[in-house]
């Protein structure tokens, strides 16, 4: 995998994959506010598995964390093994079993929905005809 292609994939991942986590259905019991609903999902999720195509990305990436904040926004932080750091942010919406990341850029809004279960967020999407597969687990 070429270095330029890898960095491009990580940027696309941040823009296309992580933004949709916040676009879930926030409807709950009568009287629940969006902020109260976000508290259920808020916290830092550490990436425990990362693959692109048939390649394990842990050879390139030291760590990746997705923080879901109580105010309905998220921040994705990636640290590469060479010391470089990248960050992406947006907003999210969540339901009992899905999370939607919403990225608002100069070309409009991008939404992606992913599965969420038992403190684990699984991201699976195709970028450049290869599957990007990430598993984030909520920290204690």
C-alpha atoms as a PDB file:
ATOM      1  CA  UNK A   1       0.000   0.000   0.000  1.00  0.00           C
ATOM      2  CA  UNK A   2       1.466   3.366  -0.989  1.00  0.00           C
ATOM      3  CA  UNK A   3       1.930   5.949   1.749  1.00  0.00           C
ATOM      4  CA  UNK A   4       0.031   8.646  -0.151  1.00  0.00           C
ATOM      5  CA  UNK A   5      -2.856   6.263  -0.736  1.00  0.00           C
ATOM      6  CA  UNK A   6      -2.929   5.314   2.936  1.00  0.00           C
ATOM      7  CA  UNK A   7      -3.065   8.916   4.162  1.00  0.00           C
ATOM      8  CA  UNK A   8      -5.752   9.678   1.606  1.00  0.00           C
ATOM      9  CA  UNK A   9      -7.771   6.709   2.864  1.00  0.00           C
ATOM     10  CA  UNK A  10      -7.451   7.888   6.461  1.00  0.00           C
ATOM     11  CA  UNK A  11      -8.682  11.358   5.494  1.00  0.00           C
ATOM     12  CA  UNK A  12     -11.557   9.858   3.546  1.00  0.00           C
ATOM     13  CA  UNK A  13     -12.279   7.641   6.508  1.00  0.00           C
ATOM     14  CA  UNK A  14     -12.504  10.670   8.769  1.00  0.00           C
ATOM     15  CA  UNK A  15     -14.682  12.604   6.337  1.00  0.00           C
ATOM     16  CA  UNK A  16     -16.912   9.795   5.121  1.00  0.00           C
ATOM     17  CA  UNK A  17     -16.946   7.222   7.866  1.00  0.00           C
ATOM     18  CA  UNK A  18     -16.804   8.920  11.206  1.00  0.00           C
ATOM     19  CA  UNK A  19     -19.084  11.823  10.475  1.00  0.00           C
ATOM     20  CA  UNK A  20     -22.236   9.724  10.162  1.00  0.00           C
ATOM     21  CA  UNK A  21     -22.013   8.339  13.731  1.00  0.00           C
ATOM     22  CA  UNK A  22     -24.112  11.194  14.980  1.00  0.00           C
ATOM     23  CA  UNK A  23     -27.131  10.928  12.710  1.00  0.00           C
ATOM     24  CA  UNK A  24     -29.196   8.332  14.564  1.00  0.00           C
ATOM     25  CA  UNK A  25     -32.723   8.670  15.821  1.00  0.00           C
ATOM     26  CA  UNK A  26     -32.692  10.689  19.046  1.00  0.00           C
ATOM     27  CA  UNK A  27     -36.300   9.998  19.904  1.00  0.00           C
ATOM     28  CA  UNK A  28     -36.813   8.492  23.309  1.00  0.00           C
ATOM     29  CA  UNK A  29     -39.322   8.607  26.142  1.00  0.00           C
ATOM     30  CA  UNK A  30     -41.476  11.666  26.350  1.00  0.00           C
ATOM     31  CA  UNK A  31     -39.547  14.410  28.105  1.00  0.00           C
ATOM     32  CA  UNK A  32     -36.078  13.109  27.155  1.00  0.00           C
ATOM     33  CA  UNK A  33     -33.858  15.799  25.747  1.00  0.00           C
ATOM     34  CA  UNK A  34     -31.198  15.312  23.078  1.00  0.00           C
ATOM     35  CA  UNK A  35     -28.540  16.041  25.683  1.00  0.00           C
ATOM     36  CA  UNK A  36     -29.914  13.339  27.995  1.00  0.00           C
ATOM     37  CA  UNK A  37     -29.950  10.844  25.122  1.00  0.00           C
ATOM     38  CA  UNK A  38     -26.351  11.707  24.177  1.00  0.00           C
ATOM     39  CA  UNK A  39     -25.170  10.975  27.730  1.00  0.00           C
ATOM     40  CA  UNK A  40     -26.039   7.320  27.160  1.00  0.00           C
ATOM     41  CA  UNK A  41     -23.573   7.074  24.272  1.00  0.00           C
ATOM     42  CA  UNK A  42     -20.957   9.633  25.309  1.00  0.00           C
ATOM     43  CA  UNK A  43     -17.420   8.593  26.102  1.00  0.00           C
ATOM     44  CA  UNK A  44     -14.187   7.615  24.410  1.00  0.00           C
ATOM     45  CA  UNK A  45     -14.145   4.587  22.117  1.00  0.00           C
ATOM     46  CA  UNK A  46     -10.700   3.118  21.354  1.00  0.00           C
ATOM     47  CA  UNK A  47     -10.070   1.413  18.011  1.00  0.00           C
ATOM     48  CA  UNK A  48      -9.186  -2.231  18.698  1.00  0.00           C
ATOM     49  CA  UNK A  49      -9.327  -3.590  15.148  1.00  0.00           C
ATOM     50  CA  UNK A  50      -8.484  -1.765  11.910  1.00  0.00           C
ATOM     51  CA  UNK A  51      -8.259  -3.258   8.435  1.00  0.00           C
ATOM     52  CA  UNK A  52      -8.310  -1.832   4.942  1.00  0.00           C
ATOM     53  CA  UNK A  53      -8.763  -4.409   2.208  1.00  0.00           C
ATOM     54  CA  UNK A  54      -6.673  -7.364   3.343  1.00  0.00           C
ATOM     55  CA  UNK A  55      -4.168  -5.207   5.234  1.00  0.00           C
ATOM     56  CA  UNK A  56      -3.944  -4.667   8.966  1.00  0.00           C
ATOM     57  CA  UNK A  57      -3.566  -0.911   9.542  1.00  0.00           C
ATOM     58  CA  UNK A  58      -1.904  -1.332  12.941  1.00  0.00           C
ATOM     59  CA  UNK A  59       1.441  -1.269  11.130  1.00  0.00           C
ATOM     60  CA  UNK A  60       0.742   2.366  10.190  1.00  0.00           C
ATOM     61  CA  UNK A  61      -1.511   3.625  12.959  1.00  0.00           C
ATOM     62  CA  UNK A  62      -0.407   3.766  16.589  1.00  0.00           C
ATOM     63  CA  UNK A  63      -3.856   4.615  17.964  1.00  0.00           C
ATOM     64  CA  UNK A  64      -7.286   5.857  16.973  1.00  0.00           C
ATOM     65  CA  UNK A  65     -10.007   7.107  19.296  1.00  0.00           C
ATOM     66  CA  UNK A  66     -13.543   8.283  18.705  1.00  0.00           C
ATOM     67  CA  UNK A  67     -14.951  10.556  21.392  1.00  0.00           C
ATOM     68  CA  UNK A  68     -18.711  11.026  21.529  1.00  0.00           C
ATOM     69  CA  UNK A  69     -19.464  14.145  23.537  1.00  0.00           C
ATOM     70  CA  UNK A  70     -22.598  14.851  25.565  1.00  0.00           C
ATOM     71  CA  UNK A  71     -23.438  17.859  23.384  1.00  0.00           C
ATOM     72  CA  UNK A  72     -24.016  15.582  20.355  1.00  0.00           C
ATOM     73  CA  UNK A  73     -20.656  16.159  18.670  1.00  0.00           C
ATOM     74  CA  UNK A  74     -17.784  13.777  18.064  1.00  0.00           C
ATOM     75  CA  UNK A  75     -14.044  13.996  17.592  1.00  0.00           C
ATOM     76  CA  UNK A  76     -11.908  11.371  15.877  1.00  0.00           C
ATOM     77  CA  UNK A  77      -8.204  11.411  16.744  1.00  0.00           C
ATOM     78  CA  UNK A  78      -5.644   9.287  14.869  1.00  0.00           C
ATOM     79  CA  UNK A  79      -1.960   8.998  15.805  1.00  0.00           C
ATOM     80  CA  UNK A  80       0.347   7.431  13.216  1.00  0.00           C
ATOM     81  CA  UNK A  81       3.429   5.406  14.063  1.00  0.00           C
ATOM     82  CA  UNK A  82       5.629   8.147  12.533  1.00  0.00           C
ATOM     83  CA  UNK A  83       4.242  10.646  15.096  1.00  0.00           C
ATOM     84  CA  UNK A  84       1.811  12.489  12.800  1.00  0.00           C
ATOM     85  CA  UNK A  85      -1.622  13.236  14.237  1.00  0.00           C
ATOM     86  CA  UNK A  86      -4.917  13.853  12.443  1.00  0.00           C
ATOM     87  CA  UNK A  87      -8.281  14.970  13.790  1.00  0.00           C
ATOM     88  CA  UNK A  88     -11.803  15.067  12.367  1.00  0.00           C
ATOM     89  CA  UNK A  89     -15.031  16.196  13.985  1.00  0.00           C
ATOM     90  CA  UNK A  90     -18.737  16.570  13.380  1.00  0.00           C
ATOM     91  CA  UNK A  91     -21.976  15.656  15.072  1.00  0.00           C
ATOM     92  CA  UNK A  92     -23.757  12.382  15.716  1.00  0.00           C
ATOM     93  CA  UNK A  93     -27.145  10.847  16.386  1.00  0.00           C
ATOM     94  CA  UNK A  94     -27.680   7.456  17.990  1.00  0.00           C
ATOM     95  CA  UNK A  95     -30.342   4.838  18.563  1.00  0.00           C
ATOM     96  CA  UNK A  96     -30.205   1.648  20.596  1.00  0.00           C
ATOM     97  CA  UNK A  97     -28.377  -0.256  17.856  1.00  0.00           C
ATOM     98  CA  UNK A  98     -27.016   2.316  15.380  1.00  0.00           C
ATOM     99  CA  UNK A  99     -24.959   5.447  15.365  1.00  0.00           C
ATOM    100  CA  UNK A 100     -24.893   7.964  12.540  1.00  0.00           C
ATOM    101  CA  UNK A 101     -21.902  10.224  12.017  1.00  0.00           C
ATOM    102  CA  UNK A 102     -22.599  13.525  10.309  1.00  0.00           C
ATOM    103  CA  UNK A 103     -19.828  15.519   8.700  1.00  0.00           C
ATOM    104  CA  UNK A 104     -20.528  19.067   7.555  1.00  0.00           C
ATOM    105  CA  UNK A 105     -18.013  20.239   5.003  1.00  0.00           C
ATOM    106  CA  UNK A 106     -17.857  22.887   2.325  1.00  0.00           C
ATOM    107  CA  UNK A 107     -19.568  20.490  -0.114  1.00  0.00           C
ATOM    108  CA  UNK A 108     -22.526  19.867   2.189  1.00  0.00           C
ATOM    109  CA  UNK A 109     -23.424  17.235   4.726  1.00  0.00           C
ATOM    110  CA  UNK A 110     -22.330  13.584   4.659  1.00  0.00           C
ATOM    111  CA  UNK A 111     -24.077  10.948   6.798  1.00  0.00           C
ATOM    112  CA  UNK A 112     -23.101   7.354   7.450  1.00  0.00           C
ATOM    113  CA  UNK A 113     -24.890   4.909   9.704  1.00  0.00           C
ATOM    114  CA  UNK A 114     -23.038   2.147  11.570  1.00  0.00           C
ATOM    115  CA  UNK A 115     -23.901  -0.560  14.051  1.00  0.00           C
ATOM    116  CA  UNK A 116     -23.573  -0.010  17.774  1.00  0.00           C
ATOM    117  CA  UNK A 117     -24.051  -2.706  20.381  1.00  0.00           C
ATOM    118  CA  UNK A 118     -22.866  -3.271  23.947  1.00  0.00           C
ATOM    119  CA  UNK A 119     -20.327  -0.443  23.942  1.00  0.00           C
ATOM    120  CA  UNK A 120     -18.888  -1.406  20.547  1.00  0.00           C
ATOM    121  CA  UNK A 121     -19.112   0.594  17.308  1.00  0.00           C
ATOM    122  CA  UNK A 122     -18.394  -1.283  14.090  1.00  0.00           C
ATOM    123  CA  UNK A 123     -17.559   0.752  11.013  1.00  0.00           C
ATOM    124  CA  UNK A 124     -17.610  -0.977   7.660  1.00  0.00           C
ATOM    125  CA  UNK A 125     -17.577   0.916   4.376  1.00  0.00           C
ATOM    126  CA  UNK A 126     -16.020   0.665   0.946  1.00  0.00           C
ATOM    127  CA  UNK A 127     -13.365   3.229   0.008  1.00  0.00           C
ATOM    128  CA  UNK A 128     -11.587   2.926  -3.356  1.00  0.00           C
ATOM    129  CA  UNK A 129     -13.174  -0.491  -3.903  1.00  0.00           C
ATOM    130  CA  UNK A 130     -11.707  -1.890  -0.663  1.00  0.00           C
ATOM    131  CA  UNK A 131     -13.446  -2.532   2.630  1.00  0.00           C
ATOM    132  CA  UNK A 132     -12.481  -0.310   5.536  1.00  0.00           C
ATOM    133  CA  UNK A 133     -13.323  -2.177   8.751  1.00  0.00           C
ATOM    134  CA  UNK A 134     -12.868  -0.573  12.174  1.00  0.00           C
ATOM    135  CA  UNK A 135     -14.037  -1.709  15.600  1.00  0.00           C
ATOM    136  CA  UNK A 136     -14.182   0.852  18.404  1.00  0.00           C
ATOM    137  CA  UNK A 137     -14.754  -0.273  21.994  1.00  0.00           C
ATOM    138  CA  UNK A 138     -15.898   2.071  24.741  1.00  0.00           C
ATOM    139  CA  UNK A 139     -13.302   2.642  27.445  1.00  0.00           C
ATOM    140  CA  UNK A 140     -14.125   2.004  31.064  1.00  0.00           C
END
